[in-house]
Amino acid sequence: MQAGSFGKIAVATPGTPVRVTTNTDLRASRLRFTAVIGETGRVFLGVAGMNKANGTGVIKEFWPTGAGGGVADALEVWATDDRHLLSPSDYFVDANNGGEGLIVAYWGR
């Protein structure tokens, strides 16, 4: 399995979700979403049409570690098998604070 990373997916304008990648051809067997240590606002992971205000399309809400650091909140999603791989472009990030976001990594063949 080959590892890759999109790095930090930052949200410029809170309330305007950012797509993890525009590459709709990329497929992965595993995705990992991690809060960034030191950031202070909540960050949200969701699907197209997500709305952090009412929770529509939100998959997970990540709690910040704050300026003091700590253990970052994370979520891993795995494909059920090689015929049903994940599409990273299906996922979106939103945040309460501009410039904050998630680190997104993937594994594929």
N, C-alpha and C. Protein backbone atom coordinates (compact mmCIF):
# COMPACT_ATOMS: atom_id res chain seq x y z
N MET A 1 0.84 -1.18 0.00
CA MET A 1 0.00 0.00 0.00
C MET A 1 0.88 1.24 0.00
N GLN A 2 0.51 2.23 -0.80
CA GLN A 2 1.26 3.47 -0.92
C GLN A 2 0.57 4.58 -0.11
N ALA A 3 1.33 5.31 0.71
CA ALA A 3 0.78 6.40 1.50
C ALA A 3 0.91 7.72 0.74
N GLY A 4 -0.04 8.61 0.96
CA GLY A 4 -0.01 9.94 0.39
C GLY A 4 -0.66 10.91 1.36
N SER A 5 -0.43 12.19 1.16
CA SER A 5 -1.04 13.19 2.03
C SER A 5 -1.42 14.42 1.23
N PHE A 6 -2.57 14.99 1.57
CA PHE A 6 -2.99 16.26 0.99
C PHE A 6 -2.48 17.40 1.86
N GLY A 7 -1.87 17.07 3.00
CA GLY A 7 -1.44 18.09 3.94
C GLY A 7 -2.64 18.67 4.67
N LYS A 8 -2.50 19.90 5.10
CA LYS A 8 -3.59 20.57 5.81
C LYS A 8 -4.58 21.14 4.80
N ILE A 9 -5.83 20.75 4.96
CA ILE A 9 -6.91 21.33 4.16
C ILE A 9 -7.50 22.45 5.01
N ALA A 10 -7.12 23.69 4.70
CA ALA A 10 -7.53 24.84 5.49
C ALA A 10 -8.79 25.47 4.91
N VAL A 11 -9.62 25.99 5.79
CA VAL A 11 -10.87 26.65 5.42
C VAL A 11 -10.63 28.16 5.46
N ALA A 12 -10.73 28.80 4.31
CA ALA A 12 -10.51 30.26 4.26
C ALA A 12 -11.66 31.02 4.91
N THR A 13 -12.89 30.63 4.58
CA THR A 13 -14.07 31.32 5.09
C THR A 13 -14.96 30.33 5.84
N PRO A 14 -15.06 30.44 7.17
CA PRO A 14 -15.93 29.54 7.92
C PRO A 14 -17.35 29.55 7.35
N GLY A 15 -17.93 28.35 7.23
CA GLY A 15 -19.26 28.23 6.66
C GLY A 15 -19.23 27.91 5.16
N THR A 16 -18.04 27.93 4.58
CA THR A 16 -17.86 27.57 3.18
C THR A 16 -16.96 26.33 3.11
N PRO A 17 -17.56 25.14 3.06
CA PRO A 17 -16.77 23.91 3.07
C PRO A 17 -15.78 23.82 1.91
N VAL A 18 -14.63 23.22 2.19
CA VAL A 18 -13.57 23.03 1.21
C VAL A 18 -13.46 21.55 0.88
N ARG A 19 -13.49 21.23 -0.41
CA ARG A 19 -13.35 19.84 -0.85
C ARG A 19 -11.91 19.38 -0.58
N VAL A 20 -11.76 18.15 -0.09
CA VAL A 20 -10.44 17.60 0.21
C VAL A 20 -9.55 17.59 -1.03
N THR A 21 -10.07 17.21 -2.17
CA THR A 21 -9.35 17.24 -3.43
C THR A 21 -10.35 17.34 -4.58
N THR A 22 -9.92 17.95 -5.66
CA THR A 22 -10.77 18.02 -6.85
C THR A 22 -10.51 16.85 -7.79
N ASN A 23 -9.53 16.00 -7.45
CA ASN A 23 -9.21 14.83 -8.27
C ASN A 23 -10.27 13.74 -8.04
N THR A 24 -11.24 13.68 -8.91
CA THR A 24 -12.34 12.71 -8.76
C THR A 24 -11.94 11.30 -9.20
N ASP A 25 -10.76 11.15 -9.80
CA ASP A 25 -10.28 9.83 -10.22
C ASP A 25 -9.52 9.09 -9.13
N LEU A 26 -9.03 9.81 -8.13
CA LEU A 26 -8.23 9.20 -7.08
C LEU A 26 -9.09 8.28 -6.21
N ARG A 27 -8.59 7.08 -5.93
CA ARG A 27 -9.27 6.12 -5.06
C ARG A 27 -8.30 5.69 -3.96
N ALA A 28 -8.83 5.42 -2.79
CA ALA A 28 -8.00 5.03 -1.65
C ALA A 28 -8.66 3.89 -0.88
N SER A 29 -7.84 3.08 -0.26
CA SER A 29 -8.36 2.02 0.58
C SER A 29 -8.53 2.50 2.02
N ARG A 30 -7.88 3.62 2.35
CA ARG A 30 -7.95 4.15 3.72
C ARG A 30 -7.76 5.66 3.68
N LEU A 31 -8.53 6.38 4.49
CA LEU A 31 -8.39 7.83 4.66
C LEU A 31 -8.23 8.13 6.14
N ARG A 32 -7.38 9.10 6.47
CA ARG A 32 -7.20 9.52 7.86
C ARG A 32 -7.31 11.03 7.93
N PHE A 33 -8.21 11.49 8.79
CA PHE A 33 -8.46 12.91 9.01
C PHE A 33 -8.03 13.24 10.44
N THR A 34 -7.17 14.25 10.60
CA THR A 34 -6.63 14.58 11.92
C THR A 34 -6.72 16.08 12.18
N ALA A 35 -7.15 16.44 13.39
CA ALA A 35 -7.14 17.84 13.80
C ALA A 35 -5.69 18.30 13.89
N VAL A 36 -5.46 19.59 13.68
CA VAL A 36 -4.11 20.15 13.74
C VAL A 36 -3.81 20.60 15.16
N ILE A 37 -2.73 20.08 15.71
CA ILE A 37 -2.36 20.44 17.09
C ILE A 37 -2.06 21.94 17.17
N GLY A 38 -2.62 22.57 18.18
CA GLY A 38 -2.41 24.00 18.41
C GLY A 38 -3.52 24.89 17.90
N GLU A 39 -4.40 24.35 17.05
CA GLU A 39 -5.51 25.18 16.57
C GLU A 39 -6.60 25.25 17.63
N THR A 40 -7.40 26.30 17.60
CA THR A 40 -8.30 26.59 18.72
C THR A 40 -9.78 26.43 18.45
N GLY A 41 -10.16 26.26 17.19
CA GLY A 41 -11.59 26.15 16.87
C GLY A 41 -11.98 24.74 16.46
N ARG A 42 -13.28 24.47 16.52
CA ARG A 42 -13.77 23.17 16.06
C ARG A 42 -13.73 23.10 14.54
N VAL A 43 -13.46 21.89 14.03
CA VAL A 43 -13.40 21.64 12.60
C VAL A 43 -14.36 20.50 12.29
N PHE A 44 -14.95 20.52 11.10
CA PHE A 44 -15.99 19.56 10.73
C PHE A 44 -15.62 18.84 9.44
N LEU A 45 -15.93 17.54 9.40
CA LEU A 45 -15.75 16.73 8.20
C LEU A 45 -17.14 16.33 7.73
N GLY A 46 -17.36 16.42 6.42
CA GLY A 46 -18.67 16.05 5.91
C GLY A 46 -18.64 15.71 4.44
N VAL A 47 -19.83 15.63 3.88
CA VAL A 47 -20.03 15.31 2.47
C VAL A 47 -20.63 16.53 1.77
N ALA A 48 -20.78 16.44 0.45
CA ALA A 48 -21.33 17.55 -0.34
C ALA A 48 -22.63 18.06 0.29
N GLY A 49 -22.76 19.36 0.35
CA GLY A 49 -23.96 19.97 0.93
C GLY A 49 -23.92 20.09 2.44
N MET A 50 -22.77 19.79 3.04
CA MET A 50 -22.70 19.85 4.51
C MET A 50 -22.97 21.26 5.02
N ASN A 51 -23.55 21.30 6.23
CA ASN A 51 -23.85 22.57 6.89
C ASN A 51 -23.52 22.38 8.37
N LYS A 52 -22.41 22.96 8.80
CA LYS A 52 -21.98 22.77 10.19
C LYS A 52 -22.95 23.40 11.19
N ALA A 53 -23.71 24.39 10.76
CA ALA A 53 -24.64 25.06 11.66
C ALA A 53 -25.77 24.16 12.12
N ASN A 54 -26.29 23.32 11.21
CA ASN A 54 -27.40 22.45 11.61
C ASN A 54 -27.04 20.96 11.56
N GLY A 55 -25.78 20.65 11.19
CA GLY A 55 -25.32 19.27 11.21
C GLY A 55 -25.60 18.46 9.96
N THR A 56 -26.32 19.04 8.99
CA THR A 56 -26.62 18.31 7.76
C THR A 56 -25.32 17.93 7.05
N GLY A 57 -25.16 16.67 6.71
CA GLY A 57 -23.99 16.21 5.97
C GLY A 57 -22.71 16.13 6.77
N VAL A 58 -22.76 16.45 8.06
CA VAL A 58 -21.55 16.38 8.90
C VAL A 58 -21.34 14.94 9.34
N ILE A 59 -20.12 14.44 9.16
CA ILE A 59 -19.76 13.09 9.57
C ILE A 59 -19.12 13.11 10.95
N LYS A 60 -18.27 14.11 11.20
CA LYS A 60 -17.56 14.20 12.48
C LYS A 60 -17.22 15.63 12.79
N GLU A 61 -17.28 15.95 14.07
CA GLU A 61 -16.84 17.24 14.58
C GLU A 61 -15.56 16.99 15.36
N PHE A 62 -14.49 17.69 14.99
CA PHE A 62 -13.18 17.52 15.63
C PHE A 62 -12.99 18.61 16.67
N TRP A 63 -12.57 18.20 17.87
CA TRP A 63 -12.32 19.14 18.95
C TRP A 63 -10.87 19.60 18.89
N PRO A 64 -10.62 20.89 19.12
CA PRO A 64 -9.26 21.42 19.03
C PRO A 64 -8.41 21.03 20.23
N THR A 65 -7.10 21.03 20.02
CA THR A 65 -6.18 20.79 21.14
C THR A 65 -5.88 22.10 21.86
N GLY A 66 -6.05 23.21 21.16
CA GLY A 66 -5.75 24.51 21.74
C GLY A 66 -4.26 24.80 21.72
N ALA A 67 -3.93 25.99 22.19
CA ALA A 67 -2.54 26.45 22.16
C ALA A 67 -1.62 25.58 23.00
N GLY A 68 -2.15 24.89 24.00
CA GLY A 68 -1.33 24.05 24.88
C GLY A 68 -0.95 22.72 24.26
N GLY A 69 -1.52 22.38 23.09
CA GLY A 69 -1.22 21.10 22.45
C GLY A 69 -2.01 19.98 23.06
N GLY A 70 -1.59 18.76 22.83
CA GLY A 70 -2.28 17.59 23.35
C GLY A 70 -2.44 16.55 22.26
N VAL A 71 -3.31 15.59 22.49
CA VAL A 71 -3.55 14.53 21.51
C VAL A 71 -4.62 15.00 20.53
N ALA A 72 -4.30 14.95 19.25
CA ALA A 72 -5.21 15.42 18.22
C ALA A 72 -6.32 14.41 17.97
N ASP A 73 -7.53 14.92 17.83
CA ASP A 73 -8.70 14.12 17.47
C ASP A 73 -8.51 13.61 16.04
N ALA A 74 -8.91 12.37 15.75
CA ALA A 74 -8.71 11.80 14.42
C ALA A 74 -9.86 10.86 14.06
N LEU A 75 -9.99 10.59 12.76
CA LEU A 75 -10.96 9.64 12.24
C LEU A 75 -10.32 8.90 11.08
N GLU A 76 -10.48 7.58 11.05
CA GLU A 76 -10.01 6.78 9.92
C GLU A 76 -11.21 6.10 9.28
N VAL A 77 -11.21 6.11 7.93
CA VAL A 77 -12.25 5.45 7.16
C VAL A 77 -11.55 4.44 6.27
N TRP A 78 -12.06 3.21 6.28
CA TRP A 78 -11.46 2.12 5.49
C TRP A 78 -12.45 1.62 4.46
N ALA A 79 -11.94 1.27 3.27
CA ALA A 79 -12.77 0.64 2.25
C ALA A 79 -13.08 -0.78 2.69
N THR A 80 -14.22 -1.28 2.30
CA THR A 80 -14.61 -2.65 2.68
C THR A 80 -13.82 -3.70 1.91
N ASP A 81 -13.42 -3.37 0.68
CA ASP A 81 -12.61 -4.29 -0.12
C ASP A 81 -12.06 -3.52 -1.32
N ASP A 82 -11.25 -4.18 -2.14
CA ASP A 82 -10.61 -3.50 -3.27
C ASP A 82 -11.57 -3.10 -4.39
N ARG A 83 -12.79 -3.61 -4.38
CA ARG A 83 -13.77 -3.23 -5.40
C ARG A 83 -14.58 -2.01 -4.99
N HIS A 84 -14.50 -1.63 -3.73
CA HIS A 84 -15.29 -0.51 -3.21
C HIS A 84 -14.38 0.50 -2.53
N LEU A 85 -13.45 1.04 -3.31
CA LEU A 85 -12.48 1.99 -2.76
C LEU A 85 -13.14 3.34 -2.47
N LEU A 86 -12.50 4.13 -1.63
CA LEU A 86 -13.00 5.44 -1.22
C LEU A 86 -12.56 6.52 -2.20
N SER A 87 -13.37 7.52 -2.37
CA SER A 87 -13.04 8.67 -3.20
C SER A 87 -12.82 9.88 -2.28
N PRO A 88 -11.57 10.31 -2.09
CA PRO A 88 -11.31 11.47 -1.22
C PRO A 88 -12.08 12.72 -1.63
N SER A 89 -12.41 12.84 -2.91
CA SER A 89 -13.13 14.03 -3.39
C SER A 89 -14.57 14.09 -2.87
N ASP A 90 -15.04 13.01 -2.26
CA ASP A 90 -16.39 12.99 -1.68
C ASP A 90 -16.46 13.70 -0.33
N TYR A 91 -15.31 14.09 0.23
CA TYR A 91 -15.25 14.64 1.58
C TYR A 91 -14.92 16.12 1.57
N PHE A 92 -15.53 16.84 2.53
CA PHE A 92 -15.37 18.29 2.65
C PHE A 92 -15.00 18.65 4.09
N VAL A 93 -14.30 19.78 4.24
CA VAL A 93 -13.87 20.27 5.55
C VAL A 93 -14.45 21.67 5.75
N ASP A 94 -14.94 21.94 6.95
CA ASP A 94 -15.37 23.28 7.34
C ASP A 94 -14.81 23.55 8.73
N ALA A 95 -14.73 24.79 9.11
CA ALA A 95 -14.13 25.15 10.41
C ALA A 95 -14.83 26.37 11.00
N ASN A 96 -14.70 26.51 12.30
CA ASN A 96 -15.25 27.70 12.96
C ASN A 96 -14.33 28.90 12.83
N ASN A 97 -13.03 28.65 12.61
CA ASN A 97 -12.05 29.74 12.48
C ASN A 97 -11.39 29.68 11.11
N GLY A 98 -11.32 30.82 10.44
CA GLY A 98 -10.64 30.89 9.15
C GLY A 98 -9.17 30.49 9.27
N GLY A 99 -8.68 29.76 8.29
CA GLY A 99 -7.29 29.32 8.29
C GLY A 99 -7.06 27.99 8.99
N GLU A 100 -8.06 27.49 9.71
CA GLU A 100 -7.90 26.21 10.39
C GLU A 100 -8.48 25.09 9.53
N GLY A 101 -8.14 23.84 9.86
CA GLY A 101 -8.62 22.73 9.05
C GLY A 101 -8.17 21.39 9.58
N LEU A 102 -8.04 20.44 8.67
CA LEU A 102 -7.65 19.07 9.01
C LEU A 102 -6.46 18.65 8.16
N ILE A 103 -5.63 17.76 8.71
CA ILE A 103 -4.60 17.09 7.93
C ILE A 103 -5.25 15.82 7.37
N VAL A 104 -5.11 15.61 6.07
CA VAL A 104 -5.76 14.46 5.42
C VAL A 104 -4.70 13.61 4.72
N ALA A 105 -4.66 12.34 5.10
CA ALA A 105 -3.75 11.35 4.49
C ALA A 105 -4.57 10.24 3.87
N TYR A 106 -3.95 9.53 2.92
CA TYR A 106 -4.65 8.41 2.26
C TYR A 106 -3.67 7.30 1.93
N TRP A 107 -4.21 6.11 1.76
CA TRP A 107 -3.43 4.94 1.37
C TRP A 107 -4.13 4.28 0.20
N GLY A 108 -3.35 3.95 -0.81
CA GLY A 108 -3.90 3.30 -1.99
C GLY A 108 -2.87 2.37 -2.61
N ARG A 109 -3.27 1.73 -3.69
CA ARG A 109 -2.36 0.79 -4.36
C ARG A 109 -1.84 1.40 -5.63
